[in-house]
Amino acid sequence: ANEQTCDPSIDQKCASTKLVHIRLGLEWFINPDHLPLVVAIKEGIFEDFGLNVELIEPKDHWEAEKEILDGRLDVAVTEPLHLAVDAMNSKPVLGFSRFLHTDGGVMYKKGVGINRPR
């Protein structure tokens, strides 16, 4: 996929190269937002960069930072809102990239007296 491809039939040095396994937690079930990740796995793009990426779907809602801190995930896709809350609560996690095309948001039931954020 790029000039950094490791082909053991050409380069004996890369035949012994061990891929780094990364457990990537998704914020929800696999959906069109995750297409770049699925394609990168299927086409070997992550392997070209020495990575073995495992996509992990939550069985139910999870707190990604807790999964990372407890060692069950290495990295996670999350909504920006969660990163702000984690930072506010002094969680030792770091947001390093924007993946989702949405900015997240807050939903509420119309007509319950909420007129604006405070």
C-alpha atoms as a PDB file:
ATOM      1  CA  ALA A   1       0.000   0.000   0.000  1.00  0.00           C
ATOM      2  CA  ASN A   2       3.006   2.309   0.464  1.00  0.00           C
ATOM      3  CA  GLU A   3       6.789   2.291   0.195  1.00  0.00           C
ATOM      4  CA  GLN A   4       7.157   1.082   3.807  1.00  0.00           C
ATOM      5  CA  THR A   5       5.633  -2.332   3.036  1.00  0.00           C
ATOM      6  CA  CYS A   6       7.458  -5.188   4.721  1.00  0.00           C
ATOM      7  CA  ASP A   7       7.731  -8.073   2.241  1.00  0.00           C
ATOM      8  CA  PRO A   8       9.596 -11.071   3.735  1.00  0.00           C
ATOM      9  CA  SER A   9      10.153 -12.569   0.259  1.00  0.00           C
ATOM     10  CA  ILE A  10      12.267  -9.530  -0.628  1.00  0.00           C
ATOM     11  CA  ASP A  11      13.672  -8.399   2.720  1.00  0.00           C
ATOM     12  CA  GLN A  12      14.821 -11.146   5.124  1.00  0.00           C
ATOM     13  CA  LYS A  13      15.114  -8.572   7.911  1.00  0.00           C
ATOM     14  CA  CYS A  14      11.362  -8.011   7.916  1.00  0.00           C
ATOM     15  CA  ALA A  15      10.657 -11.768   7.984  1.00  0.00           C
ATOM     16  CA  SER A  16      11.489 -11.710  11.686  1.00  0.00           C
ATOM     17  CA  THR A  17       9.729  -8.408  12.350  1.00  0.00           C
ATOM     18  CA  LYS A  18       7.010  -8.875  14.918  1.00  0.00           C
ATOM     19  CA  LEU A  19       3.906  -6.761  14.479  1.00  0.00           C
ATOM     20  CA  VAL A  20       2.854  -4.584  17.406  1.00  0.00           C
ATOM     21  CA  HIS A  21      -0.612  -5.663  18.554  1.00  0.00           C
ATOM     22  CA  ILE A  22      -2.980  -2.772  19.293  1.00  0.00           C
ATOM     23  CA  ARG A  23      -6.438  -3.278  20.804  1.00  0.00           C
ATOM     24  CA  LEU A  24      -8.567  -0.443  19.426  1.00  0.00           C
ATOM     25  CA  GLY A  25     -11.902   0.003  21.189  1.00  0.00           C
ATOM     26  CA  LEU A  26     -14.753   1.400  19.157  1.00  0.00           C
ATOM     27  CA  GLU A  27     -17.276   3.789  20.635  1.00  0.00           C
ATOM     28  CA  TRP A  28     -20.148   1.656  19.325  1.00  0.00           C
ATOM     29  CA  PHE A  29     -20.848  -1.262  16.997  1.00  0.00           C
ATOM     30  CA  ILE A  30     -19.008  -1.268  13.661  1.00  0.00           C
ATOM     31  CA  ASN A  31     -20.666   1.265  11.376  1.00  0.00           C
ATOM     32  CA  PRO A  32     -19.744   3.473   8.388  1.00  0.00           C
ATOM     33  CA  ASP A  33     -17.676   5.777  10.647  1.00  0.00           C
ATOM     34  CA  HIS A  34     -15.215   2.896  11.044  1.00  0.00           C
ATOM     35  CA  LEU A  35     -14.807   2.133   7.341  1.00  0.00           C
ATOM     36  CA  PRO A  36     -11.260   3.560   7.141  1.00  0.00           C
ATOM     37  CA  LEU A  37     -10.181   1.217   9.958  1.00  0.00           C
ATOM     38  CA  VAL A  38     -11.868  -1.821   8.397  1.00  0.00           C
ATOM     39  CA  VAL A  39     -10.322  -1.116   4.991  1.00  0.00           C
ATOM     40  CA  ALA A  40      -6.873  -0.544   6.529  1.00  0.00           C
ATOM     41  CA  ILE A  41      -7.066  -3.940   8.239  1.00  0.00           C
ATOM     42  CA  LYS A  42      -8.406  -5.749   5.160  1.00  0.00           C
ATOM     43  CA  GLU A  43      -5.849  -4.184   2.812  1.00  0.00           C
ATOM     44  CA  GLY A  44      -2.888  -4.708   5.166  1.00  0.00           C
ATOM     45  CA  ILE A  45      -2.152  -1.023   5.569  1.00  0.00           C
ATOM     46  CA  PHE A  46      -1.627  -1.286   9.334  1.00  0.00           C
ATOM     47  CA  GLU A  47       0.695  -4.253   8.799  1.00  0.00           C
ATOM     48  CA  ASP A  48       2.689  -2.125   6.365  1.00  0.00           C
ATOM     49  CA  PHE A  49       3.464   0.070   9.363  1.00  0.00           C
ATOM     50  CA  GLY A  50       4.223  -2.817  11.708  1.00  0.00           C
ATOM     51  CA  LEU A  51       0.831  -2.901  13.421  1.00  0.00           C
ATOM     52  CA  ASN A  52      -1.650  -5.693  14.073  1.00  0.00           C
ATOM     53  CA  VAL A  53      -4.818  -3.726  14.883  1.00  0.00           C
ATOM     54  CA  GLU A  54      -7.685  -5.539  16.581  1.00  0.00           C
ATOM     55  CA  LEU A  55     -11.027  -3.710  16.499  1.00  0.00           C
ATOM     56  CA  ILE A  56     -13.055  -4.302  19.644  1.00  0.00           C
ATOM     57  CA  GLU A  57     -16.758  -3.487  19.768  1.00  0.00           C
ATOM     58  CA  PRO A  58     -18.345  -2.822  23.140  1.00  0.00           C
ATOM     59  CA  LYS A  59     -20.981  -5.362  24.163  1.00  0.00           C
ATOM     60  CA  ASP A  60     -22.707  -2.527  25.991  1.00  0.00           C
ATOM     61  CA  HIS A  61     -21.838   1.078  26.791  1.00  0.00           C
ATOM     62  CA  TRP A  62     -18.354   1.322  28.260  1.00  0.00           C
ATOM     63  CA  GLU A  63     -16.127   3.975  29.662  1.00  0.00           C
ATOM     64  CA  ALA A  64     -13.214   3.840  27.237  1.00  0.00           C
ATOM     65  CA  GLU A  65     -10.770   5.473  29.646  1.00  0.00           C
ATOM     66  CA  LYS A  66     -11.516   2.807  32.274  1.00  0.00           C
ATOM     67  CA  GLU A  67     -10.935   0.051  29.711  1.00  0.00           C
ATOM     68  CA  ILE A  68      -7.583   1.656  28.793  1.00  0.00           C
ATOM     69  CA  LEU A  69      -6.525   2.218  32.406  1.00  0.00           C
ATOM     70  CA  ASP A  70      -7.510  -1.371  33.327  1.00  0.00           C
ATOM     71  CA  GLY A  71      -5.409  -2.704  30.417  1.00  0.00           C
ATOM     72  CA  ARG A  72      -8.236  -4.132  28.298  1.00  0.00           C
ATOM     73  CA  LEU A  73      -7.721  -1.582  25.484  1.00  0.00           C
ATOM     74  CA  ASP A  74      -4.654   0.202  24.174  1.00  0.00           C
ATOM     75  CA  VAL A  75      -6.499   3.045  22.443  1.00  0.00           C
ATOM     76  CA  ALA A  76     -10.146   3.894  21.835  1.00  0.00           C
ATOM     77  CA  VAL A  77     -12.329   5.881  19.492  1.00  0.00           C
ATOM     78  CA  THR A  78     -14.515   8.150  21.581  1.00  0.00           C
ATOM     79  CA  GLU A  79     -16.649  11.237  21.214  1.00  0.00           C
ATOM     80  CA  PRO A  80     -14.897  14.569  21.901  1.00  0.00           C
ATOM     81  CA  LEU A  81     -17.304  15.226  24.760  1.00  0.00           C
ATOM     82  CA  HIS A  82     -15.905  12.231  26.673  1.00  0.00           C
ATOM     83  CA  LEU A  83     -12.344  13.510  26.254  1.00  0.00           C
ATOM     84  CA  ALA A  84     -13.318  16.851  27.781  1.00  0.00           C
ATOM     85  CA  VAL A  85     -15.038  15.190  30.742  1.00  0.00           C
ATOM     86  CA  ASP A  86     -12.079  12.838  31.295  1.00  0.00           C
ATOM     87  CA  ALA A  87      -9.654  15.784  31.249  1.00  0.00           C
ATOM     88  CA  MET A  88     -11.878  17.749  33.631  1.00  0.00           C
ATOM     89  CA  ASN A  89     -11.856  14.773  36.019  1.00  0.00           C
ATOM     90  CA  SER A  90      -8.032  14.539  35.834  1.00  0.00           C
ATOM     91  CA  LYS A  91      -8.088  11.112  34.180  1.00  0.00           C
ATOM     92  CA  PRO A  92      -4.593  10.169  32.935  1.00  0.00           C
ATOM     93  CA  VAL A  93      -5.675   9.728  29.316  1.00  0.00           C
ATOM     94  CA  LEU A  94      -4.883  11.819  26.274  1.00  0.00           C
ATOM     95  CA  GLY A  95      -6.823  12.579  23.113  1.00  0.00           C
ATOM     96  CA  PHE A  96      -4.440  12.708  20.174  1.00  0.00           C
ATOM     97  CA  SER A  97      -6.471  12.688  16.983  1.00  0.00           C
ATOM     98  CA  ARG A  98      -9.855  13.438  15.517  1.00  0.00           C
ATOM     99  CA  PHE A  99     -11.446  10.411  13.910  1.00  0.00           C
ATOM    100  CA  LEU A 100     -15.210  10.829  13.926  1.00  0.00           C
ATOM    101  CA  HIS A 101     -16.634  13.339  11.508  1.00  0.00           C
ATOM    102  CA  THR A 102     -19.206  14.424  14.088  1.00  0.00           C
ATOM    103  CA  ASP A 103     -18.597  16.882  16.882  1.00  0.00           C
ATOM    104  CA  GLY A 104     -20.791  14.974  19.288  1.00  0.00           C
ATOM    105  CA  GLY A 105     -23.657  16.634  20.999  1.00  0.00           C
ATOM    106  CA  VAL A 106     -26.200  16.542  23.752  1.00  0.00           C
ATOM    107  CA  MET A 107     -29.776  15.407  23.281  1.00  0.00           C
ATOM    108  CA  TYR A 108     -32.705  16.202  25.484  1.00  0.00           C
ATOM    109  CA  LYS A 109     -36.464  15.854  25.345  1.00  0.00           C
ATOM    110  CA  LYS A 110     -38.090  18.836  23.685  1.00  0.00           C
ATOM    111  CA  GLY A 111     -40.477  20.783  25.851  1.00  0.00           C
ATOM    112  CA  VAL A 112     -39.009  19.983  29.281  1.00  0.00           C
ATOM    113  CA  GLY A 113     -37.940  23.544  30.008  1.00  0.00           C
ATOM    114  CA  ILE A 114     -34.386  23.460  28.688  1.00  0.00           C
ATOM    115  CA  ASN A 115     -33.881  26.598  26.645  1.00  0.00           C
ATOM    116  CA  ARG A 116     -30.101  26.760  26.366  1.00  0.00           C
ATOM    117  CA  PRO A 117     -26.912  25.314  27.864  1.00  0.00           C
ATOM    118  CA  ARG A 118     -25.730  26.908  31.105  1.00  0.00           C
END
